[in-house]
Amino acid sequence: MKINKINDEISVSEQIHVDDLKIIKDAGFNTIICNRPDNESADQTPQEIIKSAAESVGLNYFFIPIFPGQFTQQAVDEFNEIFLEKENGPIFAYCRTGTRSCTLWALANRDKMTGNEIVEQAKGAGYDLSQLFL
């Protein structure tokens, strides 16, 4: 697992496993958001297993599944609600590669930041969102 820091409030990564949760907690995160729907691949740990293990180590857990290319306003609103609760931060979000999680963060911040700011922060985490925000 590689933690890709967007900013001090959120980092993203590819699919995580139960063994990663203590590392995530020890890295200072308070909340995990899973953006990957179950059953995308055979090697994927089901989100209910991640949820149970996350809660057992003291992490908040939320499930906002995003199917590739299908970002709904409801998902953006749910993300914003979680993000606005300061006790939830810092947040660690994951999906298959981290791109959907990064894009959801970007969409949730499009009214709070400029396109350039979003693209630069995403780029610093290893994601190119220039096609969406520039």
C-alpha atoms as a PDB file:
ATOM      1  CA  MET A   1       0.000   0.000   0.000  1.00  0.00           C
ATOM      2  CA  LYS A   2       1.281   3.433  -0.955  1.00  0.00           C
ATOM      3  CA  ILE A   3      -0.278   6.455   0.746  1.00  0.00           C
ATOM      4  CA  ASN A   4      -0.708   9.297  -1.759  1.00  0.00           C
ATOM      5  CA  LYS A   5      -1.082  12.540   0.184  1.00  0.00           C
ATOM      6  CA  ILE A   6      -3.251  15.159  -1.514  1.00  0.00           C
ATOM      7  CA  ASN A   7      -3.054  17.591   1.406  1.00  0.00           C
ATOM      8  CA  ASP A   8      -3.036  17.508   5.211  1.00  0.00           C
ATOM      9  CA  GLU A   9      -6.726  16.625   5.289  1.00  0.00           C
ATOM     10  CA  ILE A  10      -6.849  13.707   2.850  1.00  0.00           C
ATOM     11  CA  SER A  11      -4.736  10.975   1.305  1.00  0.00           C
ATOM     12  CA  VAL A  12      -5.754   8.262  -1.133  1.00  0.00           C
ATOM     13  CA  SER A  13      -4.517   4.868  -2.260  1.00  0.00           C
ATOM     14  CA  GLU A  14      -5.221   1.747  -4.205  1.00  0.00           C
ATOM     15  CA  GLN A  15      -7.150  -1.174  -2.683  1.00  0.00           C
ATOM     16  CA  ILE A  16      -6.188  -1.809   0.912  1.00  0.00           C
ATOM     17  CA  HIS A  17      -6.230  -4.993   2.956  1.00  0.00           C
ATOM     18  CA  VAL A  18      -6.933  -5.730   6.615  1.00  0.00           C
ATOM     19  CA  ASP A  19      -3.202  -5.759   7.396  1.00  0.00           C
ATOM     20  CA  ASP A  20      -2.944  -2.129   6.219  1.00  0.00           C
ATOM     21  CA  LEU A  21      -5.396  -0.742   8.782  1.00  0.00           C
ATOM     22  CA  LYS A  22      -2.970  -0.514  11.694  1.00  0.00           C
ATOM     23  CA  ILE A  23      -0.490   1.280   9.417  1.00  0.00           C
ATOM     24  CA  ILE A  24      -3.231   3.710   8.387  1.00  0.00           C
ATOM     25  CA  LYS A  25      -4.228   4.324  12.011  1.00  0.00           C
ATOM     26  CA  ASP A  26      -0.594   4.725  13.103  1.00  0.00           C
ATOM     27  CA  ALA A  27      -0.073   7.241  10.266  1.00  0.00           C
ATOM     28  CA  GLY A  28      -2.594   9.511  12.012  1.00  0.00           C
ATOM     29  CA  PHE A  29      -5.769   8.949  10.012  1.00  0.00           C
ATOM     30  CA  ASN A  30      -9.129   8.966  11.793  1.00  0.00           C
ATOM     31  CA  THR A  31     -11.413   7.940   8.940  1.00  0.00           C
ATOM     32  CA  ILE A  32     -11.444   5.589   5.975  1.00  0.00           C
ATOM     33  CA  ILE A  33     -13.708   6.092   2.975  1.00  0.00           C
ATOM     34  CA  CYS A  34     -14.073   3.152   0.626  1.00  0.00           C
ATOM     35  CA  ASN A  35     -14.950   4.287  -2.903  1.00  0.00           C
ATOM     36  CA  ARG A  36     -14.640   0.876  -4.499  1.00  0.00           C
ATOM     37  CA  PRO A  37     -17.757  -1.206  -5.099  1.00  0.00           C
ATOM     38  CA  ASP A  38     -17.454  -4.832  -4.034  1.00  0.00           C
ATOM     39  CA  ASN A  39     -16.755  -7.542  -6.608  1.00  0.00           C
ATOM     40  CA  GLU A  40     -14.710  -5.487  -9.073  1.00  0.00           C
ATOM     41  CA  SER A  41     -11.974  -8.131  -8.948  1.00  0.00           C
ATOM     42  CA  ALA A  42     -11.431 -11.540  -7.408  1.00  0.00           C
ATOM     43  CA  ASP A  43      -8.500 -10.379  -5.257  1.00  0.00           C
ATOM     44  CA  GLN A  44     -10.438  -7.511  -3.675  1.00  0.00           C
ATOM     45  CA  THR A  45     -11.126  -7.596   0.067  1.00  0.00           C
ATOM     46  CA  PRO A  46     -14.880  -7.045   0.562  1.00  0.00           C
ATOM     47  CA  GLN A  47     -15.673  -3.676   2.088  1.00  0.00           C
ATOM     48  CA  GLU A  48     -17.600  -5.227   5.022  1.00  0.00           C
ATOM     49  CA  ILE A  49     -14.416  -7.015   6.113  1.00  0.00           C
ATOM     50  CA  ILE A  50     -12.428  -3.776   5.831  1.00  0.00           C
ATOM     51  CA  LYS A  51     -15.177  -1.939   7.729  1.00  0.00           C
ATOM     52  CA  SER A  52     -15.162  -4.394  10.617  1.00  0.00           C
ATOM     53  CA  ALA A  53     -11.375  -4.383  10.871  1.00  0.00           C
ATOM     54  CA  ALA A  54     -11.201  -0.577  10.582  1.00  0.00           C
ATOM     55  CA  GLU A  55     -13.689  -0.089  13.374  1.00  0.00           C
ATOM     56  CA  SER A  56     -11.821  -2.614  15.538  1.00  0.00           C
ATOM     57  CA  VAL A  57      -8.684  -0.438  15.411  1.00  0.00           C
ATOM     58  CA  GLY A  58     -10.652   2.747  16.123  1.00  0.00           C
ATOM     59  CA  LEU A  59     -11.107   4.168  12.635  1.00  0.00           C
ATOM     60  CA  ASN A  60     -14.338   5.710  11.377  1.00  0.00           C
ATOM     61  CA  TYR A  61     -15.494   3.972   8.220  1.00  0.00           C
ATOM     62  CA  PHE A  62     -17.707   5.137   5.358  1.00  0.00           C
ATOM     63  CA  PHE A  63     -18.693   3.436   2.109  1.00  0.00           C
ATOM     64  CA  ILE A  64     -19.347   5.610  -0.949  1.00  0.00           C
ATOM     65  CA  PRO A  65     -19.018   3.254  -3.905  1.00  0.00           C
ATOM     66  CA  ILE A  66     -18.115   4.899  -7.196  1.00  0.00           C
ATOM     67  CA  PHE A  67     -18.414   2.875 -10.365  1.00  0.00           C
ATOM     68  CA  PRO A  68     -15.816   3.935 -12.964  1.00  0.00           C
ATOM     69  CA  GLY A  69     -16.856   7.222 -14.551  1.00  0.00           C
ATOM     70  CA  GLN A  70     -20.096   7.446 -12.555  1.00  0.00           C
ATOM     71  CA  PHE A  71     -19.733  10.294 -10.075  1.00  0.00           C
ATOM     72  CA  THR A  72     -23.143  11.234  -8.737  1.00  0.00           C
ATOM     73  CA  GLN A  73     -24.065  14.417  -6.917  1.00  0.00           C
ATOM     74  CA  GLN A  74     -25.220  12.199  -4.045  1.00  0.00           C
ATOM     75  CA  ALA A  75     -21.706  10.733  -3.729  1.00  0.00           C
ATOM     76  CA  VAL A  76     -20.173  14.225  -3.782  1.00  0.00           C
ATOM     77  CA  ASP A  77     -22.638  15.390  -1.110  1.00  0.00           C
ATOM     78  CA  GLU A  78     -21.956  12.348   1.095  1.00  0.00           C
ATOM     79  CA  PHE A  79     -18.216  12.956   0.784  1.00  0.00           C
ATOM     80  CA  ASN A  80     -18.656  16.621   1.728  1.00  0.00           C
ATOM     81  CA  GLU A  81     -20.691  15.690   4.820  1.00  0.00           C
ATOM     82  CA  ILE A  82     -17.927  13.366   6.011  1.00  0.00           C
ATOM     83  CA  PHE A  83     -15.196  15.849   5.139  1.00  0.00           C
ATOM     84  CA  LEU A  84     -16.896  18.735   6.971  1.00  0.00           C
ATOM     85  CA  GLU A  85     -16.960  16.832  10.269  1.00  0.00           C
ATOM     86  CA  LYS A  86     -13.527  17.829  11.567  1.00  0.00           C
ATOM     87  CA  GLU A  87     -13.342  14.883  13.977  1.00  0.00           C
ATOM     88  CA  ASN A  88     -13.315  12.643  10.895  1.00  0.00           C
ATOM     89  CA  GLY A  89     -10.030  14.062   9.668  1.00  0.00           C
ATOM     90  CA  PRO A  90      -7.532  13.367   8.450  1.00  0.00           C
ATOM     91  CA  ILE A  91      -9.206  11.084   5.934  1.00  0.00           C
ATOM     92  CA  PHE A  92      -7.828   8.127   4.020  1.00  0.00           C
ATOM     93  CA  ALA A  93      -9.850   7.153   0.918  1.00  0.00           C
ATOM     94  CA  TYR A  94      -9.288   4.214  -1.381  1.00  0.00           C
ATOM     95  CA  CYS A  95     -10.549   2.526  -4.537  1.00  0.00           C
ATOM     96  CA  ARG A  96      -8.842   0.307  -7.131  1.00  0.00           C
ATOM     97  CA  THR A  97      -6.020   2.761  -7.972  1.00  0.00           C
ATOM     98  CA  GLY A  98      -6.869   5.863  -5.942  1.00  0.00           C
ATOM     99  CA  THR A  99      -8.056   7.809  -8.980  1.00  0.00           C
ATOM    100  CA  ARG A 100     -11.777   7.656  -8.171  1.00  0.00           C
ATOM    101  CA  SER A 101     -11.081   8.699  -4.577  1.00  0.00           C
ATOM    102  CA  CYS A 102      -8.933  11.617  -5.741  1.00  0.00           C
ATOM    103  CA  THR A 103     -11.544  12.631  -8.313  1.00  0.00           C
ATOM    104  CA  LEU A 104     -14.337  12.517  -5.729  1.00  0.00           C
ATOM    105  CA  TRP A 105     -12.277  14.795  -3.474  1.00  0.00           C
ATOM    106  CA  ALA A 106     -11.716  17.132  -6.429  1.00  0.00           C
ATOM    107  CA  LEU A 107     -15.400  17.254  -7.350  1.00  0.00           C
ATOM    108  CA  ALA A 108     -16.309  17.969  -3.741  1.00  0.00           C
ATOM    109  CA  ASN A 109     -13.883  20.900  -3.719  1.00  0.00           C
ATOM    110  CA  ARG A 110     -14.626  22.445  -7.121  1.00  0.00           C
ATOM    111  CA  ASP A 111     -16.550  25.318  -5.489  1.00  0.00           C
ATOM    112  CA  LYS A 112     -13.902  25.875  -2.790  1.00  0.00           C
ATOM    113  CA  MET A 113     -10.716  25.800  -4.854  1.00  0.00           C
ATOM    114  CA  THR A 114      -9.608  26.866  -8.310  1.00  0.00           C
ATOM    115  CA  GLY A 115      -9.099  24.281 -11.026  1.00  0.00           C
ATOM    116  CA  ASN A 116      -5.369  24.966 -10.877  1.00  0.00           C
ATOM    117  CA  GLU A 117      -5.275  24.347  -7.112  1.00  0.00           C
ATOM    118  CA  ILE A 118      -7.144  21.078  -7.495  1.00  0.00           C
ATOM    119  CA  VAL A 119      -4.929  19.907 -10.352  1.00  0.00           C
ATOM    120  CA  GLU A 120      -1.723  20.822  -8.484  1.00  0.00           C
ATOM    121  CA  GLN A 121      -2.726  19.068  -5.266  1.00  0.00           C
ATOM    122  CA  ALA A 122      -3.842  15.981  -7.189  1.00  0.00           C
ATOM    123  CA  LYS A 123      -0.611  16.049  -9.201  1.00  0.00           C
ATOM    124  CA  GLY A 124       1.400  16.146  -5.979  1.00  0.00           C
ATOM    125  CA  ALA A 125      -0.330  12.899  -4.987  1.00  0.00           C
ATOM    126  CA  GLY A 126       0.407  11.330  -8.372  1.00  0.00           C
ATOM    127  CA  TYR A 127      -2.922  11.872 -10.171  1.00  0.00           C
ATOM    128  CA  ASP A 128      -3.485  13.861 -13.348  1.00  0.00           C
ATOM    129  CA  LEU A 129      -6.877  15.582 -13.216  1.00  0.00           C
ATOM    130  CA  SER A 130      -6.003  18.304 -15.710  1.00  0.00           C
ATOM    131  CA  GLN A 131      -8.527  16.999 -18.262  1.00  0.00           C
ATOM    132  CA  LEU A 132     -11.331  17.537 -15.750  1.00  0.00           C
ATOM    133  CA  PHE A 133     -10.380  20.845 -14.152  1.00  0.00           C
ATOM    134  CA  LEU A 134      -8.382  22.918 -16.634  1.00  0.00           C
END
